Amino acid sequence: MFSVAGRTSLEVARALAAEQVAVWHGNYYAFELSTLLGLEPYGAVRAGVVHYNNDEDVQRLLGAVDRVAG
């Protein structure tokens, strides 16, 4: 879970989708925690890495986030 300064989670998710990187955005049904962390009203971005992802997938995600964060 992360955020990018100056951009909403939806903006970040859309920018990553344009680079064919799938993420989720919002508060993931944890509204109270998201509020406590100061993430509302937009929540944060969530990226998941699972057993079938490889190093190339992770590097592609990190590169795309770096470009979006500019």
C-alpha atoms as a PDB file:
ATOM      1  CA  MET A   1       0.000   0.000   0.000  1.00  0.00           C
ATOM      2  CA  PHE A   2       1.413   3.366  -0.987  1.00  0.00           C
ATOM      3  CA  SER A   3       0.542   6.872  -2.077  1.00  0.00           C
ATOM      4  CA  VAL A   4       2.164   9.381  -4.399  1.00  0.00           C
ATOM      5  CA  ALA A   5       2.458  12.953  -3.173  1.00  0.00           C
ATOM      6  CA  GLY A   6       0.227  15.343  -5.066  1.00  0.00           C
ATOM      7  CA  ARG A   7      -1.824  12.629  -6.800  1.00  0.00           C
ATOM      8  CA  THR A   8      -4.958  10.791  -5.739  1.00  0.00           C
ATOM      9  CA  SER A   9      -4.953   7.024  -5.583  1.00  0.00           C
ATOM     10  CA  LEU A  10      -7.323   6.949  -8.555  1.00  0.00           C
ATOM     11  CA  GLU A  11      -4.972   9.120 -10.624  1.00  0.00           C
ATOM     12  CA  VAL A  12      -2.039   6.862  -9.782  1.00  0.00           C
ATOM     13  CA  ALA A  13      -4.034   3.703 -10.554  1.00  0.00           C
ATOM     14  CA  ARG A  14      -5.116   5.112 -13.930  1.00  0.00           C
ATOM     15  CA  ALA A  15      -1.558   6.178 -14.802  1.00  0.00           C
ATOM     16  CA  LEU A  16      -0.243   2.721 -13.901  1.00  0.00           C
ATOM     17  CA  ALA A  17      -3.031   1.068 -15.901  1.00  0.00           C
ATOM     18  CA  ALA A  18      -1.895   3.091 -18.916  1.00  0.00           C
ATOM     19  CA  GLU A  19       1.452   1.303 -18.491  1.00  0.00           C
ATOM     20  CA  GLN A  20      -0.361  -2.043 -18.187  1.00  0.00           C
ATOM     21  CA  VAL A  21       0.354  -2.340 -14.465  1.00  0.00           C
ATOM     22  CA  ALA A  22      -2.703  -3.476 -12.505  1.00  0.00           C
ATOM     23  CA  VAL A  23      -3.211  -2.089  -8.989  1.00  0.00           C
ATOM     24  CA  TRP A  24      -6.155  -1.287  -6.734  1.00  0.00           C
ATOM     25  CA  HIS A  25      -7.078   2.054  -5.202  1.00  0.00           C
ATOM     26  CA  GLY A  26      -9.234   3.113  -2.287  1.00  0.00           C
ATOM     27  CA  ASN A  27      -9.473   2.150   1.368  1.00  0.00           C
ATOM     28  CA  TYR A  28     -10.023  -1.632   0.956  1.00  0.00           C
ATOM     29  CA  TYR A  29     -12.891  -1.691   3.467  1.00  0.00           C
ATOM     30  CA  ALA A  30     -10.530  -0.315   6.142  1.00  0.00           C
ATOM     31  CA  PHE A  31     -12.023   3.168   6.289  1.00  0.00           C
ATOM     32  CA  GLU A  32     -11.165   3.798   9.939  1.00  0.00           C
ATOM     33  CA  LEU A  33      -7.511   2.826   9.439  1.00  0.00           C
ATOM     34  CA  SER A  34      -7.305   4.811   6.216  1.00  0.00           C
ATOM     35  CA  THR A  35      -8.703   7.837   8.041  1.00  0.00           C
ATOM     36  CA  LEU A  36      -6.286   7.361  10.956  1.00  0.00           C
ATOM     37  CA  LEU A  37      -3.376   7.253   8.493  1.00  0.00           C
ATOM     38  CA  GLY A  38      -4.578  10.498   6.871  1.00  0.00           C
ATOM     39  CA  LEU A  39      -5.325   8.837   3.537  1.00  0.00           C
ATOM     40  CA  GLU A  40      -8.978   9.757   3.181  1.00  0.00           C
ATOM     41  CA  PRO A  41     -10.887  10.758   1.155  1.00  0.00           C
ATOM     42  CA  TYR A  42      -8.901   8.977  -1.579  1.00  0.00           C
ATOM     43  CA  GLY A  43      -7.288   6.053   0.212  1.00  0.00           C
ATOM     44  CA  ALA A  44      -4.082   4.604  -1.193  1.00  0.00           C
ATOM     45  CA  VAL A  45      -2.781   2.410  -3.997  1.00  0.00           C
ATOM     46  CA  ARG A  46      -2.296  -1.294  -3.395  1.00  0.00           C
ATOM     47  CA  ALA A  47      -0.009  -3.488  -5.442  1.00  0.00           C
ATOM     48  CA  GLY A  48       0.090  -7.219  -4.889  1.00  0.00           C
ATOM     49  CA  VAL A  49       2.956  -9.569  -5.594  1.00  0.00           C
ATOM     50  CA  VAL A  50       2.228 -13.293  -5.472  1.00  0.00           C
ATOM     51  CA  HIS A  51       3.982 -16.557  -6.233  1.00  0.00           C
ATOM     52  CA  TYR A  52       3.648 -16.299 -10.010  1.00  0.00           C
ATOM     53  CA  ASN A  53       5.209 -12.814 -10.237  1.00  0.00           C
ATOM     54  CA  ASN A  54       8.882 -12.708 -11.059  1.00  0.00           C
ATOM     55  CA  ASP A  55      11.665 -10.146 -10.668  1.00  0.00           C
ATOM     56  CA  GLU A  56      10.837  -8.614 -14.046  1.00  0.00           C
ATOM     57  CA  ASP A  57       7.234  -7.994 -12.941  1.00  0.00           C
ATOM     58  CA  VAL A  58       8.409  -6.289  -9.760  1.00  0.00           C
ATOM     59  CA  GLN A  59      10.934  -4.142 -11.638  1.00  0.00           C
ATOM     60  CA  ARG A  60       8.223  -3.137 -14.132  1.00  0.00           C
ATOM     61  CA  LEU A  61       5.959  -2.095 -11.249  1.00  0.00           C
ATOM     62  CA  LEU A  62       8.722  -0.105  -9.545  1.00  0.00           C
ATOM     63  CA  GLY A  63       9.723   1.597 -12.803  1.00  0.00           C
ATOM     64  CA  ALA A  64       6.137   2.572 -13.546  1.00  0.00           C
ATOM     65  CA  VAL A  65       5.628   3.953 -10.016  1.00  0.00           C
ATOM     66  CA  ASP A  66       8.855   5.911 -10.371  1.00  0.00           C
ATOM     67  CA  ARG A  67       7.642   7.457 -13.635  1.00  0.00           C
ATOM     68  CA  VAL A  68       4.210   8.271 -12.185  1.00  0.00           C
ATOM     69  CA  ALA A  69       5.776   9.853  -9.105  1.00  0.00           C
ATOM     70  CA  GLY A  70       7.999  11.820 -11.508  1.00  0.00           C
END
